[in-house]
């Protein structure tokens, strides 16, 4: 019978550890985690990205899904890897994120998990807090981010209230069991715009 594919929330500090481990480990060893990070941001994919991530905009995710499954799941024809990070056909962990991992990231992760082959052993994750939290935590570490625009993010953090900045940086400490609480953060997608156009973006 087909097993139920679940999508797990992944904390930023855990992914950071995996990435650093991956860079320093011998790829022929079995403890080497094979990761693919899929960034589903659309026109908001500015200001940098997570090191080694692949951008598949959420708007064209459905058309890309079959080739993503073929490339990163446990079956299909191996295809050349899109980045230096991925040297394997089999992938242990596929991690999805958008700007805040509130709407697009979880939706794409869910569709991917649903379409995955029943015998697949790949784990599907949603990166908690999305790229906004990642860049707040690791924006200065070249091993964890690529093409980061300091101006964009320094400006974004200056515009943030101290309370919100604190929440962004410290929500890692929550238990992963608190999934029901996640709904409190639904306004995150709008908050990334200037407060002046809140009225426009909330319609």
N, C-alpha and C. Protein backbone atom coordinates (compact mmCIF):
# COMPACT_ATOMS: atom_id res chain seq x y z
N UNK A 1 0.83 -1.20 0.00
CA UNK A 1 0.00 0.00 0.00
C UNK A 1 0.85 1.24 0.00
N UNK A 2 0.31 2.34 -0.51
CA UNK A 2 1.07 3.60 -0.53
C UNK A 2 1.18 4.14 0.89
N UNK A 3 2.37 4.57 1.25
CA UNK A 3 2.50 5.12 2.60
C UNK A 3 2.09 6.59 2.57
N UNK A 4 1.61 7.06 3.71
CA UNK A 4 1.18 8.45 3.82
C UNK A 4 2.43 9.34 3.87
N UNK A 5 2.57 10.24 2.91
CA UNK A 5 3.73 11.12 2.93
C UNK A 5 3.44 12.31 3.84
N UNK A 6 4.32 12.54 4.80
CA UNK A 6 4.11 13.70 5.66
C UNK A 6 5.17 14.75 5.36
N UNK A 7 4.80 15.99 5.63
CA UNK A 7 5.72 17.10 5.45
C UNK A 7 6.08 17.60 6.84
N UNK A 8 7.38 17.73 7.10
CA UNK A 8 7.82 18.13 8.43
C UNK A 8 8.34 19.56 8.43
N UNK A 9 8.12 20.25 9.55
CA UNK A 9 8.71 21.59 9.69
C UNK A 9 10.16 21.41 10.07
N UNK A 10 11.04 22.19 9.47
CA UNK A 10 12.47 22.08 9.75
C UNK A 10 12.95 23.42 10.29
N UNK A 11 13.61 23.38 11.45
CA UNK A 11 14.12 24.62 12.03
C UNK A 11 15.36 25.08 11.27
N UNK A 12 15.53 26.40 11.18
CA UNK A 12 16.66 26.97 10.45
C UNK A 12 18.00 26.50 10.99
N UNK A 13 18.11 26.40 12.32
CA UNK A 13 19.42 26.01 12.89
C UNK A 13 19.79 24.57 12.50
N UNK A 14 18.77 23.72 12.34
CA UNK A 14 19.04 22.33 11.94
C UNK A 14 19.53 22.29 10.49
N UNK A 15 18.86 23.04 9.62
CA UNK A 15 19.27 23.07 8.22
C UNK A 15 20.68 23.66 8.09
N UNK A 16 20.97 24.70 8.86
CA UNK A 16 22.30 25.33 8.81
C UNK A 16 23.37 24.30 9.17
N UNK A 17 23.07 23.51 10.19
CA UNK A 17 24.01 22.47 10.63
C UNK A 17 24.23 21.45 9.51
N UNK A 18 23.13 21.04 8.86
CA UNK A 18 23.23 20.08 7.75
C UNK A 18 24.10 20.62 6.63
N UNK A 19 23.87 21.90 6.28
CA UNK A 19 24.61 22.49 5.17
C UNK A 19 26.11 22.58 5.48
N UNK A 20 26.42 22.98 6.71
CA UNK A 20 27.83 23.12 7.08
C UNK A 20 28.51 21.75 7.13
N UNK A 21 27.75 20.76 7.61
CA UNK A 21 28.23 19.37 7.69
C UNK A 21 28.51 18.87 6.28
N UNK A 22 27.60 19.21 5.38
CA UNK A 22 27.68 18.75 4.00
C UNK A 22 28.93 19.31 3.32
N UNK A 23 29.23 20.55 3.63
CA UNK A 23 30.39 21.19 3.01
C UNK A 23 31.69 20.58 3.51
N UNK A 24 31.69 20.12 4.78
CA UNK A 24 32.94 19.67 5.35
C UNK A 24 33.11 18.15 5.28
N UNK A 25 32.04 17.42 4.91
CA UNK A 25 32.16 15.97 4.97
C UNK A 25 32.60 15.38 3.64
N UNK A 26 33.06 14.15 3.72
CA UNK A 26 33.48 13.42 2.54
C UNK A 26 32.22 12.89 1.86
N UNK A 27 31.96 13.31 0.62
CA UNK A 27 30.71 12.92 -0.05
C UNK A 27 30.54 11.42 -0.21
N UNK A 28 31.62 10.65 -0.08
CA UNK A 28 31.46 9.20 -0.25
C UNK A 28 30.98 8.54 1.04
N UNK A 29 30.97 9.29 2.13
CA UNK A 29 30.53 8.71 3.41
C UNK A 29 29.01 8.67 3.48
N UNK A 30 28.49 7.67 4.17
CA UNK A 30 27.03 7.54 4.25
C UNK A 30 26.36 8.56 5.15
N UNK A 31 27.13 9.19 6.04
CA UNK A 31 26.50 10.14 6.94
C UNK A 31 26.29 11.49 6.26
N UNK A 32 26.67 11.56 5.00
CA UNK A 32 26.54 12.79 4.22
C UNK A 32 25.07 12.95 3.83
N UNK A 33 24.40 13.97 4.36
CA UNK A 33 22.99 14.17 4.03
C UNK A 33 22.87 14.78 2.65
N UNK A 34 22.03 14.19 1.83
CA UNK A 34 21.86 14.71 0.48
C UNK A 34 20.62 15.61 0.45
N UNK A 35 20.86 16.88 0.28
CA UNK A 35 19.81 17.88 0.44
C UNK A 35 19.52 18.60 -0.86
N UNK A 36 18.26 18.96 -1.02
CA UNK A 36 17.89 19.88 -2.09
C UNK A 36 17.01 20.93 -1.42
N UNK A 37 17.35 22.20 -1.63
CA UNK A 37 16.55 23.29 -1.07
C UNK A 37 15.85 23.96 -2.24
N UNK A 38 14.52 23.95 -2.22
CA UNK A 38 13.74 24.54 -3.30
C UNK A 38 13.07 25.81 -2.81
N UNK A 39 13.49 26.91 -3.42
CA UNK A 39 13.02 28.25 -3.07
C UNK A 39 11.87 28.58 -4.02
N UNK A 40 10.65 28.68 -3.51
CA UNK A 40 9.51 28.90 -4.41
C UNK A 40 9.04 30.36 -4.43
N UNK A 41 9.96 31.28 -4.05
CA UNK A 41 9.59 32.70 -4.14
C UNK A 41 9.41 33.09 -5.60
N UNK A 42 8.55 34.07 -5.84
CA UNK A 42 8.27 34.53 -7.19
C UNK A 42 9.06 35.82 -7.43
N UNK A 43 8.35 36.93 -7.67
CA UNK A 43 9.07 38.18 -7.95
C UNK A 43 9.76 38.71 -6.68
N UNK A 44 9.45 38.12 -5.52
CA UNK A 44 10.12 38.56 -4.29
C UNK A 44 11.44 37.82 -4.05
N UNK A 45 11.97 37.17 -5.10
CA UNK A 45 13.22 36.44 -4.95
C UNK A 45 14.40 37.40 -5.17
N UNK A 46 14.45 38.43 -4.33
CA UNK A 46 15.52 39.41 -4.43
C UNK A 46 16.33 39.36 -3.14
N UNK A 47 17.45 40.02 -3.15
CA UNK A 47 18.21 40.14 -1.90
C UNK A 47 18.96 38.89 -1.50
N UNK A 48 19.06 37.90 -2.42
CA UNK A 48 19.86 36.72 -2.10
C UNK A 48 19.05 35.46 -1.95
N UNK A 49 19.76 34.37 -1.66
CA UNK A 49 19.09 33.08 -1.46
C UNK A 49 19.95 32.19 -0.58
N UNK A 50 19.39 31.05 -0.20
CA UNK A 50 20.13 30.10 0.63
C UNK A 50 21.17 29.42 -0.26
N UNK A 51 22.39 29.24 0.27
CA UNK A 51 23.47 28.64 -0.51
C UNK A 51 23.04 27.30 -1.09
N UNK A 52 23.24 27.16 -2.40
CA UNK A 52 22.93 25.89 -3.06
C UNK A 52 21.47 25.65 -3.38
N UNK A 53 20.61 26.64 -3.09
CA UNK A 53 19.18 26.42 -3.33
C UNK A 53 18.84 26.57 -4.81
N UNK A 54 17.69 26.01 -5.19
CA UNK A 54 17.22 26.05 -6.58
C UNK A 54 15.92 26.86 -6.56
N UNK A 55 15.80 27.87 -7.42
CA UNK A 55 14.57 28.66 -7.45
C UNK A 55 13.57 28.08 -8.45
N UNK A 56 12.40 27.69 -7.94
CA UNK A 56 11.30 27.23 -8.79
C UNK A 56 10.09 28.07 -8.38
N UNK A 57 9.81 29.17 -9.09
CA UNK A 57 8.72 30.06 -8.66
C UNK A 57 7.39 29.31 -8.47
N UNK A 58 6.68 29.67 -7.41
CA UNK A 58 5.44 28.95 -7.09
C UNK A 58 4.44 29.03 -8.23
N UNK A 59 4.49 30.13 -9.02
CA UNK A 59 3.52 30.29 -10.10
C UNK A 59 3.69 29.24 -11.20
N UNK A 60 4.92 28.69 -11.35
CA UNK A 60 5.08 27.66 -12.38
C UNK A 60 5.46 26.32 -11.75
N UNK A 61 5.15 26.17 -10.46
CA UNK A 61 5.53 24.95 -9.75
C UNK A 61 4.86 23.70 -10.33
N UNK A 62 3.59 23.83 -10.67
CA UNK A 62 2.85 22.66 -11.19
C UNK A 62 3.49 22.09 -12.44
N UNK A 63 3.93 22.97 -13.34
CA UNK A 63 4.53 22.48 -14.59
C UNK A 63 5.92 21.89 -14.34
N UNK A 64 6.61 22.38 -13.31
CA UNK A 64 7.95 21.88 -12.98
C UNK A 64 7.93 20.60 -12.14
N UNK A 65 6.78 20.35 -11.50
CA UNK A 65 6.72 19.24 -10.54
C UNK A 65 7.19 17.89 -11.07
N UNK A 66 6.73 17.45 -12.26
CA UNK A 66 7.17 16.14 -12.75
C UNK A 66 8.69 16.04 -12.89
N UNK A 67 9.33 17.10 -13.40
CA UNK A 67 10.78 17.01 -13.56
C UNK A 67 11.50 17.11 -12.22
N UNK A 68 10.91 17.82 -11.25
CA UNK A 68 11.52 17.89 -9.91
C UNK A 68 11.47 16.51 -9.26
N UNK A 69 10.32 15.85 -9.40
CA UNK A 69 10.18 14.51 -8.82
C UNK A 69 11.17 13.55 -9.46
N UNK A 70 11.31 13.68 -10.76
CA UNK A 70 12.21 12.78 -11.48
C UNK A 70 13.65 13.02 -11.04
N UNK A 71 13.97 14.29 -10.83
CA UNK A 71 15.35 14.63 -10.50
C UNK A 71 15.70 14.32 -9.05
N UNK A 72 14.76 14.55 -8.13
CA UNK A 72 15.12 14.47 -6.72
C UNK A 72 14.47 13.33 -5.94
N UNK A 73 13.53 12.62 -6.55
CA UNK A 73 12.94 11.52 -5.81
C UNK A 73 13.70 10.24 -6.15
N UNK A 74 13.19 9.09 -5.75
CA UNK A 74 13.97 7.85 -5.85
C UNK A 74 13.81 7.10 -7.15
N UNK A 75 13.22 7.72 -8.16
CA UNK A 75 13.04 6.96 -9.38
C UNK A 75 13.17 7.89 -10.55
N UNK A 76 13.14 7.37 -11.74
CA UNK A 76 13.28 8.22 -12.92
C UNK A 76 14.73 8.23 -13.37
N UNK A 77 15.00 8.92 -14.44
CA UNK A 77 16.34 8.96 -15.00
C UNK A 77 17.17 10.02 -14.32
N UNK A 78 18.36 9.69 -13.85
CA UNK A 78 19.20 10.72 -13.22
C UNK A 78 19.46 11.85 -14.22
N UNK A 79 19.40 13.08 -13.73
CA UNK A 79 19.67 14.23 -14.59
C UNK A 79 20.84 14.99 -14.00
N UNK A 80 21.54 15.77 -14.80
CA UNK A 80 22.69 16.51 -14.24
C UNK A 80 22.23 17.44 -13.12
N UNK A 81 22.95 17.47 -12.03
CA UNK A 81 22.55 18.32 -10.90
C UNK A 81 22.63 19.80 -11.26
N UNK A 82 21.71 20.62 -10.74
CA UNK A 82 21.71 22.04 -11.05
C UNK A 82 22.76 22.83 -10.27
N UNK A 83 23.33 22.25 -9.23
CA UNK A 83 24.33 23.01 -8.49
C UNK A 83 25.40 22.06 -7.96
N UNK A 84 26.49 22.65 -7.50
CA UNK A 84 27.61 21.84 -7.02
C UNK A 84 27.23 21.05 -5.77
N UNK A 85 26.13 21.43 -5.14
CA UNK A 85 25.75 20.75 -3.91
C UNK A 85 25.24 19.34 -4.13
N UNK A 86 24.57 19.14 -5.27
CA UNK A 86 23.84 17.89 -5.45
C UNK A 86 24.60 16.99 -6.39
N UNK A 87 25.17 15.93 -5.86
CA UNK A 87 25.95 15.05 -6.71
C UNK A 87 25.32 13.68 -6.76
N UNK A 88 24.08 13.58 -6.28
CA UNK A 88 23.42 12.29 -6.19
C UNK A 88 22.08 12.35 -6.87
N UNK A 89 21.66 11.21 -7.35
CA UNK A 89 20.30 11.15 -7.86
C UNK A 89 19.34 11.02 -6.69
N UNK A 90 19.70 10.14 -5.75
CA UNK A 90 18.82 9.97 -4.58
C UNK A 90 18.99 11.14 -3.63
N UNK A 91 17.90 11.67 -3.15
CA UNK A 91 17.93 12.81 -2.24
C UNK A 91 17.29 12.43 -0.92
N UNK A 92 18.01 12.67 0.18
CA UNK A 92 17.47 12.33 1.50
C UNK A 92 16.42 13.34 1.97
N UNK A 93 16.68 14.62 1.71
CA UNK A 93 15.80 15.67 2.22
C UNK A 93 15.54 16.71 1.14
N UNK A 94 14.27 17.00 0.89
CA UNK A 94 13.91 18.10 0.01
C UNK A 94 13.25 19.15 0.90
N UNK A 95 13.81 20.35 0.90
CA UNK A 95 13.35 21.40 1.81
C UNK A 95 12.76 22.55 0.99
N UNK A 96 11.52 22.91 1.29
CA UNK A 96 10.84 23.99 0.58
C UNK A 96 10.78 25.24 1.45
N UNK A 97 10.89 26.40 0.80
CA UNK A 97 10.67 27.65 1.54
C UNK A 97 10.25 28.75 0.57
N UNK A 98 9.57 29.77 1.12
CA UNK A 98 9.30 30.99 0.35
C UNK A 98 9.83 32.13 1.22
N UNK A 99 9.23 33.29 1.19
CA UNK A 99 9.77 34.39 2.01
C UNK A 99 9.58 34.13 3.50
N UNK A 100 8.38 33.68 3.87
CA UNK A 100 8.11 33.43 5.29
C UNK A 100 7.68 31.99 5.57
N UNK A 101 7.62 31.17 4.53
CA UNK A 101 7.15 29.79 4.64
C UNK A 101 5.77 29.71 5.31
N UNK A 102 4.91 30.63 4.91
CA UNK A 102 3.54 30.64 5.45
C UNK A 102 2.54 30.07 4.45
N UNK A 103 2.68 30.42 3.17
CA UNK A 103 1.66 30.04 2.19
C UNK A 103 2.25 29.22 1.04
N UNK A 104 3.13 29.85 0.25
CA UNK A 104 3.63 29.17 -0.95
C UNK A 104 4.51 27.95 -0.62
N UNK A 105 5.45 28.12 0.30
CA UNK A 105 6.34 27.00 0.67
C UNK A 105 5.56 25.77 1.11
N UNK A 106 4.66 25.92 2.10
CA UNK A 106 3.88 24.76 2.54
C UNK A 106 3.00 24.16 1.44
N UNK A 107 2.42 25.02 0.58
CA UNK A 107 1.56 24.52 -0.49
C UNK A 107 2.36 23.66 -1.47
N UNK A 108 3.54 24.16 -1.87
CA UNK A 108 4.37 23.41 -2.82
C UNK A 108 4.92 22.14 -2.19
N UNK A 109 5.31 22.21 -0.94
CA UNK A 109 5.83 21.02 -0.25
C UNK A 109 4.75 19.95 -0.18
N UNK A 110 3.53 20.37 0.09
CA UNK A 110 2.41 19.43 0.18
C UNK A 110 2.14 18.75 -1.16
N UNK A 111 2.18 19.54 -2.24
CA UNK A 111 1.93 18.96 -3.56
C UNK A 111 3.05 17.99 -3.94
N UNK A 112 4.28 18.35 -3.61
CA UNK A 112 5.43 17.50 -3.91
C UNK A 112 5.30 16.17 -3.18
N UNK A 113 5.00 16.23 -1.88
CA UNK A 113 4.89 15.02 -1.06
C UNK A 113 3.76 14.12 -1.57
N UNK A 114 2.68 14.75 -1.98
CA UNK A 114 1.52 14.02 -2.46
C UNK A 114 1.83 13.24 -3.74
N UNK A 115 2.65 13.86 -4.62
CA UNK A 115 2.94 13.25 -5.91
C UNK A 115 4.16 12.31 -5.88
N UNK A 116 4.82 12.26 -4.72
CA UNK A 116 6.02 11.44 -4.64
C UNK A 116 5.67 9.96 -4.75
N UNK A 117 6.58 9.19 -5.30
CA UNK A 117 6.38 7.76 -5.46
C UNK A 117 6.20 7.12 -4.09
N UNK A 118 5.27 6.17 -3.98
CA UNK A 118 4.98 5.55 -2.69
C UNK A 118 6.21 4.91 -2.04
N UNK A 119 7.16 4.45 -2.87
CA UNK A 119 8.32 3.77 -2.30
C UNK A 119 9.46 4.73 -1.98
N UNK A 120 9.23 6.02 -2.21
CA UNK A 120 10.30 6.99 -1.99
C UNK A 120 10.68 7.10 -0.52
N UNK A 121 11.96 7.25 -0.25
CA UNK A 121 12.41 7.42 1.13
C UNK A 121 12.84 8.86 1.38
N UNK A 122 12.56 9.74 0.42
CA UNK A 122 12.93 11.15 0.58
C UNK A 122 12.04 11.82 1.63
N UNK A 123 12.63 12.61 2.50
CA UNK A 123 11.87 13.38 3.50
C UNK A 123 11.58 14.77 2.95
N UNK A 124 10.35 15.22 3.11
CA UNK A 124 9.96 16.55 2.60
C UNK A 124 9.78 17.49 3.80
N UNK A 125 10.39 18.67 3.71
CA UNK A 125 10.34 19.62 4.83
C UNK A 125 9.92 21.00 4.36
N UNK A 126 9.42 21.78 5.33
CA UNK A 126 9.17 23.21 5.11
C UNK A 126 10.13 23.93 6.05
N UNK A 127 10.91 24.85 5.52
CA UNK A 127 11.84 25.60 6.36
C UNK A 127 11.08 26.63 7.17
N UNK A 128 11.16 26.49 8.46
CA UNK A 128 10.44 27.37 9.37
C UNK A 128 10.92 28.82 9.26
N UNK A 129 10.01 29.75 9.10
CA UNK A 129 10.39 31.16 9.04
C UNK A 129 10.84 31.64 7.68
N UNK A 130 11.03 30.70 6.73
CA UNK A 130 11.38 31.06 5.37
C UNK A 130 12.70 31.80 5.23
N UNK A 131 12.86 32.44 4.07
CA UNK A 131 14.13 33.12 3.80
C UNK A 131 14.31 34.34 4.70
N UNK A 132 13.21 34.98 5.10
CA UNK A 132 13.32 36.18 5.94
C UNK A 132 14.03 35.83 7.25
N UNK A 133 13.65 34.71 7.87
CA UNK A 133 14.32 34.34 9.12
C UNK A 133 15.75 33.88 8.84
N UNK A 134 15.92 33.14 7.74
CA UNK A 134 17.26 32.62 7.41
C UNK A 134 18.26 33.76 7.25
N UNK A 135 17.86 34.79 6.51
CA UNK A 135 18.80 35.89 6.26
C UNK A 135 19.03 36.70 7.53
N UNK A 136 18.02 36.76 8.41
CA UNK A 136 18.19 37.46 9.69
C UNK A 136 19.22 36.73 10.55
N UNK A 137 19.20 35.41 10.49
CA UNK A 137 20.12 34.60 11.31
C UNK A 137 21.49 34.46 10.67
N UNK A 138 21.53 34.22 9.35
CA UNK A 138 22.78 33.82 8.70
C UNK A 138 23.21 34.70 7.54
N UNK A 139 22.61 35.88 7.41
CA UNK A 139 22.88 36.74 6.26
C UNK A 139 24.34 37.11 6.03
N UNK A 140 25.16 36.97 7.08
CA UNK A 140 26.57 37.36 6.92
C UNK A 140 27.49 36.15 6.70
N UNK A 141 26.91 34.95 6.62
CA UNK A 141 27.74 33.76 6.49
C UNK A 141 27.75 33.25 5.04
N UNK A 142 28.87 33.43 4.33
CA UNK A 142 28.92 33.04 2.91
C UNK A 142 28.74 31.54 2.68
N UNK A 143 28.87 30.74 3.73
CA UNK A 143 28.66 29.30 3.57
C UNK A 143 27.16 28.98 3.55
N UNK A 144 26.34 29.93 4.01
CA UNK A 144 24.90 29.64 4.16
C UNK A 144 24.01 30.50 3.25
N UNK A 145 24.54 31.57 2.71
CA UNK A 145 23.74 32.40 1.81
C UNK A 145 24.55 32.74 0.56
N UNK A 146 23.85 33.04 -0.53
CA UNK A 146 24.55 33.49 -1.74
C UNK A 146 23.88 34.75 -2.26
N UNK A 147 24.69 35.62 -2.86
CA UNK A 147 24.20 36.86 -3.48
C UNK A 147 23.35 37.72 -2.56
N UNK A 148 23.69 37.76 -1.28
CA UNK A 148 22.86 38.56 -0.37
C UNK A 148 23.16 40.04 -0.56
N UNK A 149 22.10 40.82 -0.72
CA UNK A 149 22.24 42.27 -0.83
C UNK A 149 22.08 42.85 0.57
N UNK A 150 23.20 43.33 1.12
CA UNK A 150 23.17 43.93 2.47
C UNK A 150 22.14 45.05 2.56
N UNK A 151 22.15 45.94 1.53
CA UNK A 151 21.26 47.11 1.59
C UNK A 151 19.81 46.69 1.74
N UNK A 152 19.39 45.72 0.92
CA UNK A 152 17.99 45.28 0.96
C UNK A 152 17.62 44.82 2.36
N UNK A 153 18.47 43.97 2.96
CA UNK A 153 18.09 43.38 4.24
C UNK A 153 18.32 44.30 5.42
N UNK A 154 19.38 45.11 5.35
CA UNK A 154 19.58 46.05 6.46
C UNK A 154 18.41 47.02 6.52
N UNK A 155 17.95 47.44 5.32
CA UNK A 155 16.79 48.32 5.26
C UNK A 155 15.56 47.61 5.83
N UNK A 156 15.37 46.36 5.43
CA UNK A 156 14.20 45.60 5.90
C UNK A 156 14.22 45.47 7.42
N UNK A 157 15.41 45.24 8.01
CA UNK A 157 15.47 45.07 9.46
C UNK A 157 15.30 46.40 10.19
N UNK A 158 15.78 47.49 9.58
CA UNK A 158 15.60 48.80 10.21
C UNK A 158 14.12 49.17 10.25
N UNK A 159 13.39 48.79 9.19
CA UNK A 159 11.96 49.12 9.12
C UNK A 159 11.15 48.31 10.12
N UNK A 160 11.70 47.19 10.57
CA UNK A 160 10.96 46.29 11.46
C UNK A 160 10.90 46.85 12.87
N UNK A 161 9.79 46.63 13.55
CA UNK A 161 9.72 47.04 14.95
C UNK A 161 10.65 46.11 15.74
N UNK A 162 11.22 46.61 16.86
CA UNK A 162 12.12 45.77 17.67
C UNK A 162 11.43 44.47 18.10
N UNK A 163 10.14 44.56 18.37
CA UNK A 163 9.39 43.38 18.82
C UNK A 163 9.35 42.33 17.71
N UNK A 164 9.10 42.80 16.50
CA UNK A 164 9.00 41.89 15.36
C UNK A 164 10.37 41.27 15.03
N UNK A 165 11.42 42.09 15.15
CA UNK A 165 12.77 41.59 14.90
C UNK A 165 13.10 40.49 15.91
N UNK A 166 12.72 40.75 17.16
CA UNK A 166 12.97 39.76 18.21
C UNK A 166 12.22 38.46 17.90
N UNK A 167 10.97 38.60 17.46
CA UNK A 167 10.16 37.41 17.14
C UNK A 167 10.78 36.63 15.99
N UNK A 168 11.26 37.35 14.99
CA UNK A 168 11.84 36.70 13.81
C UNK A 168 13.07 35.88 14.21
N UNK A 169 13.90 36.45 15.08
CA UNK A 169 15.15 35.78 15.44
C UNK A 169 14.97 34.72 16.49
N UNK A 170 13.92 34.85 17.33
CA UNK A 170 13.84 33.94 18.46
C UNK A 170 12.77 32.86 18.40
N UNK A 171 11.98 32.86 17.32
CA UNK A 171 10.91 31.86 17.29
C UNK A 171 11.44 30.46 17.03
N UNK A 172 12.76 30.33 16.80
CA UNK A 172 13.35 29.00 16.64
C UNK A 172 13.18 28.16 17.90
N UNK A 173 13.06 28.82 19.04
CA UNK A 173 13.06 28.07 20.29
C UNK A 173 11.76 27.35 20.56
N UNK A 174 10.71 27.67 19.78
CA UNK A 174 9.43 27.00 20.01
C UNK A 174 9.59 25.51 19.74
N UNK A 175 8.71 24.76 20.37
CA UNK A 175 8.69 23.33 20.11
C UNK A 175 8.09 23.06 18.76
N UNK A 176 8.56 22.01 18.09
CA UNK A 176 7.98 21.67 16.80
C UNK A 176 6.56 21.16 16.94
N UNK A 177 6.15 20.88 18.18
CA UNK A 177 4.78 20.39 18.39
C UNK A 177 3.75 21.51 18.23
N UNK A 178 4.20 22.77 18.30
CA UNK A 178 3.26 23.89 18.30
C UNK A 178 2.70 24.24 16.93
N UNK A 179 2.52 23.26 16.07
CA UNK A 179 2.13 23.59 14.70
C UNK A 179 0.83 24.38 14.62
N UNK A 180 -0.09 24.14 15.58
CA UNK A 180 -1.38 24.82 15.50
C UNK A 180 -1.19 26.33 15.70
N UNK A 181 -0.15 26.71 16.44
CA UNK A 181 0.07 28.12 16.72
C UNK A 181 0.50 28.89 15.47
N UNK A 182 0.99 28.14 14.46
CA UNK A 182 1.55 28.79 13.28
C UNK A 182 0.61 29.83 12.68
N UNK A 183 -0.71 29.64 12.86
CA UNK A 183 -1.67 30.53 12.21
C UNK A 183 -1.51 31.97 12.66
N UNK A 184 -0.95 32.17 13.87
CA UNK A 184 -0.79 33.54 14.35
C UNK A 184 0.07 34.37 13.42
N UNK A 185 0.91 33.72 12.63
CA UNK A 185 1.88 34.46 11.82
C UNK A 185 1.38 34.75 10.41
N UNK A 186 0.10 34.55 10.16
CA UNK A 186 -0.36 34.64 8.78
C UNK A 186 -0.14 36.01 8.14
N UNK A 187 -0.02 37.07 8.96
CA UNK A 187 0.16 38.38 8.34
C UNK A 187 1.58 38.55 7.81
N UNK A 188 2.45 37.60 8.08
CA UNK A 188 3.84 37.77 7.69
C UNK A 188 4.02 38.15 6.23
N UNK A 189 3.24 37.54 5.35
CA UNK A 189 3.46 37.80 3.93
C UNK A 189 3.27 39.29 3.63
N UNK A 190 2.31 39.93 4.29
CA UNK A 190 2.06 41.34 4.00
C UNK A 190 3.08 42.24 4.65
N UNK A 191 3.60 41.82 5.82
CA UNK A 191 4.49 42.69 6.57
C UNK A 191 5.78 42.99 5.84
N UNK A 192 6.11 42.18 4.82
CA UNK A 192 7.37 42.43 4.15
C UNK A 192 7.29 43.66 3.25
N UNK A 193 6.08 44.10 2.94
CA UNK A 193 5.95 45.32 2.16
C UNK A 193 5.99 46.53 3.11
N UNK A 194 6.20 47.70 2.55
CA UNK A 194 6.16 48.90 3.38
C UNK A 194 4.77 49.05 3.97
N UNK A 195 4.71 49.61 5.19
CA UNK A 195 3.41 49.74 5.83
C UNK A 195 2.48 50.63 5.03
N UNK A 196 3.05 51.50 4.17
CA UNK A 196 2.22 52.40 3.40
C UNK A 196 1.28 51.67 2.45
N UNK A 197 1.72 50.50 1.92
CA UNK A 197 0.81 49.86 1.00
C UNK A 197 0.07 48.66 1.61
N UNK A 198 -0.01 48.65 2.94
CA UNK A 198 -0.76 47.58 3.60
C UNK A 198 -2.19 47.48 3.11
N UNK A 199 -2.82 48.67 2.93
CA UNK A 199 -4.22 48.65 2.53
C UNK A 199 -4.39 47.99 1.18
N UNK A 200 -3.47 48.27 0.28
CA UNK A 200 -3.55 47.70 -1.06
C UNK A 200 -3.34 46.20 -1.03
N UNK A 201 -2.34 45.79 -0.22
CA UNK A 201 -1.99 44.36 -0.28
C UNK A 201 -2.91 43.49 0.55
N UNK A 202 -3.74 44.12 1.41
CA UNK A 202 -4.57 43.26 2.25
C UNK A 202 -5.87 42.88 1.58
N UNK A 203 -6.19 43.50 0.42
CA UNK A 203 -7.46 43.19 -0.25
C UNK A 203 -7.43 41.80 -0.82
